[in-house]
Amino acid sequence: MGPRAPRGARLVVVHVSPVASMGTLTPGGAAALRETADEISAQIRRELEAAAGREQVRYDLVTELGDAYAVLARVADESRADAVVVGASAQAGHRLIGSVAVRLVKAGRWPVTVVP
């Protein structure tokens, strides 16, 4: 049996899909991007419902299009998060501009745990 969340704790799961770039703004590109984001959100919701039911965890799911750092920071602030857990990025471009995780850590507003 794993550790239990404190009584009254709530998990806020955030999924951010990137805003369409110029390359995806073809007639069908933006629609395909939105459809993919909706499918991912539906899958996350199904998995959360199954896991939360077993573990009796309260949760909220937030899904948005936009900049991952901006959305995560806003949701963490609005929900008065005690901590932020974020996946590590393997994208090469993040070495130049910084990953979402690094930006969250640098903000210094919440403890941040980065998972692979």
C-alpha atoms as a PDB file:
ATOM      1  CA  MET A   1       0.000   0.000   0.000  1.00  0.00           C
ATOM      2  CA  GLY A   2       1.504   3.344  -1.069  1.00  0.00           C
ATOM      3  CA  PRO A   3       1.473   6.648   0.786  1.00  0.00           C
ATOM      4  CA  ARG A   4      -1.881   8.366   1.047  1.00  0.00           C
ATOM      5  CA  ALA A   5      -2.508  12.012   0.231  1.00  0.00           C
ATOM      6  CA  PRO A   6      -3.395  14.214   3.196  1.00  0.00           C
ATOM      7  CA  ARG A   7      -7.113  14.379   3.909  1.00  0.00           C
ATOM      8  CA  GLY A   8      -8.693  17.081   1.771  1.00  0.00           C
ATOM      9  CA  ALA A   9      -5.790  17.125  -0.711  1.00  0.00           C
ATOM     10  CA  ARG A  10      -6.569  17.668  -4.374  1.00  0.00           C
ATOM     11  CA  LEU A  11      -4.538  16.797  -7.449  1.00  0.00           C
ATOM     12  CA  VAL A  12      -4.662  19.268 -10.333  1.00  0.00           C
ATOM     13  CA  VAL A  13      -3.580  17.658 -13.602  1.00  0.00           C
ATOM     14  CA  VAL A  14      -2.724  20.075 -16.397  1.00  0.00           C
ATOM     15  CA  HIS A  15      -2.302  19.163 -20.050  1.00  0.00           C
ATOM     16  CA  VAL A  16      -1.162  21.961 -22.345  1.00  0.00           C
ATOM     17  CA  SER A  17      -1.133  21.547 -26.108  1.00  0.00           C
ATOM     18  CA  PRO A  18       1.098  23.995 -27.978  1.00  0.00           C
ATOM     19  CA  VAL A  19      -0.536  26.754 -29.982  1.00  0.00           C
ATOM     20  CA  ALA A  20      -0.538  26.058 -33.691  1.00  0.00           C
ATOM     21  CA  SER A  21       2.539  27.304 -35.495  1.00  0.00           C
ATOM     22  CA  MET A  22       2.386  28.865 -38.926  1.00  0.00           C
ATOM     23  CA  GLY A  23       3.141  25.440 -40.450  1.00  0.00           C
ATOM     24  CA  THR A  24       0.026  23.883 -38.950  1.00  0.00           C
ATOM     25  CA  LEU A  25      -2.319  26.683 -39.953  1.00  0.00           C
ATOM     26  CA  THR A  26      -3.216  24.963 -43.204  1.00  0.00           C
ATOM     27  CA  PRO A  27      -6.931  24.428 -43.776  1.00  0.00           C
ATOM     28  CA  GLY A  28      -6.870  21.062 -41.991  1.00  0.00           C
ATOM     29  CA  GLY A  29      -3.773  21.557 -39.813  1.00  0.00           C
ATOM     30  CA  ALA A  30      -5.357  23.572 -37.015  1.00  0.00           C
ATOM     31  CA  ALA A  31      -8.364  21.242 -36.892  1.00  0.00           C
ATOM     32  CA  ALA A  32      -6.092  18.180 -36.736  1.00  0.00           C
ATOM     33  CA  LEU A  33      -4.084  19.782 -33.924  1.00  0.00           C
ATOM     34  CA  ARG A  34      -7.272  20.482 -31.945  1.00  0.00           C
ATOM     35  CA  GLU A  35      -8.599  16.972 -32.568  1.00  0.00           C
ATOM     36  CA  THR A  36      -5.338  15.428 -31.354  1.00  0.00           C
ATOM     37  CA  ALA A  37      -5.375  17.618 -28.226  1.00  0.00           C
ATOM     38  CA  ASP A  38      -8.983  16.566 -27.539  1.00  0.00           C
ATOM     39  CA  GLU A  39      -8.098  12.867 -27.956  1.00  0.00           C
ATOM     40  CA  ILE A  40      -5.159  13.190 -25.557  1.00  0.00           C
ATOM     41  CA  SER A  41      -7.326  15.013 -23.019  1.00  0.00           C
ATOM     42  CA  ALA A  42     -10.007  12.302 -23.249  1.00  0.00           C
ATOM     43  CA  GLN A  43      -7.391   9.596 -22.672  1.00  0.00           C
ATOM     44  CA  ILE A  44      -5.961  11.456 -19.668  1.00  0.00           C
ATOM     45  CA  ARG A  45      -9.473  11.855 -18.222  1.00  0.00           C
ATOM     46  CA  ARG A  46     -10.217   8.116 -18.615  1.00  0.00           C
ATOM     47  CA  GLU A  47      -6.958   7.168 -16.887  1.00  0.00           C
ATOM     48  CA  LEU A  48      -7.509   9.701 -14.093  1.00  0.00           C
ATOM     49  CA  GLU A  49     -11.053   8.486 -13.457  1.00  0.00           C
ATOM     50  CA  ALA A  50      -9.860   4.892 -13.178  1.00  0.00           C
ATOM     51  CA  ALA A  51      -6.885   5.693 -10.912  1.00  0.00           C
ATOM     52  CA  ALA A  52      -8.705   8.241  -8.761  1.00  0.00           C
ATOM     53  CA  GLY A  53     -11.552   5.821  -8.178  1.00  0.00           C
ATOM     54  CA  ARG A  54      -9.164   3.143  -6.922  1.00  0.00           C
ATOM     55  CA  GLU A  55      -7.151   5.514  -4.740  1.00  0.00           C
ATOM     56  CA  GLN A  56      -9.994   7.847  -3.687  1.00  0.00           C
ATOM     57  CA  VAL A  57      -8.161  10.955  -4.881  1.00  0.00           C
ATOM     58  CA  ARG A  58      -9.901  14.245  -5.623  1.00  0.00           C
ATOM     59  CA  TYR A  59      -8.654  15.763  -8.852  1.00  0.00           C
ATOM     60  CA  ASP A  60      -9.293  18.438 -11.432  1.00  0.00           C
ATOM     61  CA  LEU A  61      -8.189  18.199 -15.057  1.00  0.00           C
ATOM     62  CA  VAL A  62      -7.249  21.404 -16.858  1.00  0.00           C
ATOM     63  CA  THR A  63      -6.662  21.217 -20.612  1.00  0.00           C
ATOM     64  CA  GLU A  64      -5.648  24.264 -22.614  1.00  0.00           C
ATOM     65  CA  LEU A  65      -3.895  25.390 -25.745  1.00  0.00           C
ATOM     66  CA  GLY A  66      -0.978  27.716 -25.153  1.00  0.00           C
ATOM     67  CA  ASP A  67       2.481  28.107 -23.698  1.00  0.00           C
ATOM     68  CA  ALA A  68       3.104  25.278 -21.219  1.00  0.00           C
ATOM     69  CA  TYR A  69       5.043  27.430 -18.734  1.00  0.00           C
ATOM     70  CA  ALA A  70       2.469  30.234 -18.729  1.00  0.00           C
ATOM     71  CA  VAL A  71      -0.475  27.858 -18.273  1.00  0.00           C
ATOM     72  CA  LEU A  72       1.239  25.761 -15.580  1.00  0.00           C
ATOM     73  CA  ALA A  73       2.350  28.844 -13.637  1.00  0.00           C
ATOM     74  CA  ARG A  74      -1.125  30.396 -13.805  1.00  0.00           C
ATOM     75  CA  VAL A  75      -2.884  27.194 -12.729  1.00  0.00           C
ATOM     76  CA  ALA A  76      -0.369  26.613  -9.907  1.00  0.00           C
ATOM     77  CA  ASP A  77      -0.908  30.170  -8.650  1.00  0.00           C
ATOM     78  CA  GLU A  78      -4.701  30.042  -8.991  1.00  0.00           C
ATOM     79  CA  SER A  79      -4.955  26.696  -7.205  1.00  0.00           C
ATOM     80  CA  ARG A  80      -2.425  27.750  -4.554  1.00  0.00           C
ATOM     81  CA  ALA A  81      -0.363  24.658  -5.344  1.00  0.00           C
ATOM     82  CA  ASP A  82       1.845  23.231  -2.633  1.00  0.00           C
ATOM     83  CA  ALA A  83       4.125  21.715  -5.292  1.00  0.00           C
ATOM     84  CA  VAL A  84       4.454  21.236  -9.042  1.00  0.00           C
ATOM     85  CA  VAL A  85       5.430  17.938 -10.685  1.00  0.00           C
ATOM     86  CA  VAL A  86       6.433  18.179 -14.333  1.00  0.00           C
ATOM     87  CA  GLY A  87       7.900  15.800 -16.881  1.00  0.00           C
ATOM     88  CA  ALA A  88      11.399  16.424 -18.209  1.00  0.00           C
ATOM     89  CA  SER A  89      11.600  17.495 -21.829  1.00  0.00           C
ATOM     90  CA  ALA A  90      13.793  15.675 -24.316  1.00  0.00           C
ATOM     91  CA  GLN A  91      13.420  18.323 -27.032  1.00  0.00           C
ATOM     92  CA  ALA A  92      16.729  19.622 -28.341  1.00  0.00           C
ATOM     93  CA  GLY A  93      15.514  23.213 -28.626  1.00  0.00           C
ATOM     94  CA  HIS A  94      15.057  23.432 -24.879  1.00  0.00           C
ATOM     95  CA  ARG A  95      18.836  23.507 -24.444  1.00  0.00           C
ATOM     96  CA  LEU A  96      18.727  26.960 -26.039  1.00  0.00           C
ATOM     97  CA  ILE A  97      15.616  28.522 -24.512  1.00  0.00           C
ATOM     98  CA  GLY A  98      15.192  26.453 -21.357  1.00  0.00           C
ATOM     99  CA  SER A  99      12.689  23.774 -20.589  1.00  0.00           C
ATOM    100  CA  VAL A 100       9.350  24.291 -18.919  1.00  0.00           C
ATOM    101  CA  ALA A 101      10.772  22.587 -15.816  1.00  0.00           C
ATOM    102  CA  VAL A 102      13.757  24.947 -15.653  1.00  0.00           C
ATOM    103  CA  ARG A 103      11.494  27.971 -16.062  1.00  0.00           C
ATOM    104  CA  LEU A 104       9.219  26.723 -13.256  1.00  0.00           C
ATOM    105  CA  VAL A 105      12.200  26.160 -10.946  1.00  0.00           C
ATOM    106  CA  LYS A 106      13.606  29.614 -11.752  1.00  0.00           C
ATOM    107  CA  ALA A 107      10.253  31.206 -10.932  1.00  0.00           C
ATOM    108  CA  GLY A 108      10.820  30.003  -7.360  1.00  0.00           C
ATOM    109  CA  ARG A 109       7.153  30.123  -6.386  1.00  0.00           C
ATOM    110  CA  TRP A 110       6.615  26.416  -5.708  1.00  0.00           C
ATOM    111  CA  PRO A 111       8.739  23.340  -5.009  1.00  0.00           C
ATOM    112  CA  VAL A 112       9.198  21.635  -8.402  1.00  0.00           C
ATOM    113  CA  THR A 113       9.823  17.937  -8.950  1.00  0.00           C
ATOM    114  CA  VAL A 114      10.961  16.902 -12.426  1.00  0.00           C
ATOM    115  CA  VAL A 115      10.250  13.321 -13.491  1.00  0.00           C
ATOM    116  CA  PRO A 116      11.696  11.578 -16.560  1.00  0.00           C
END
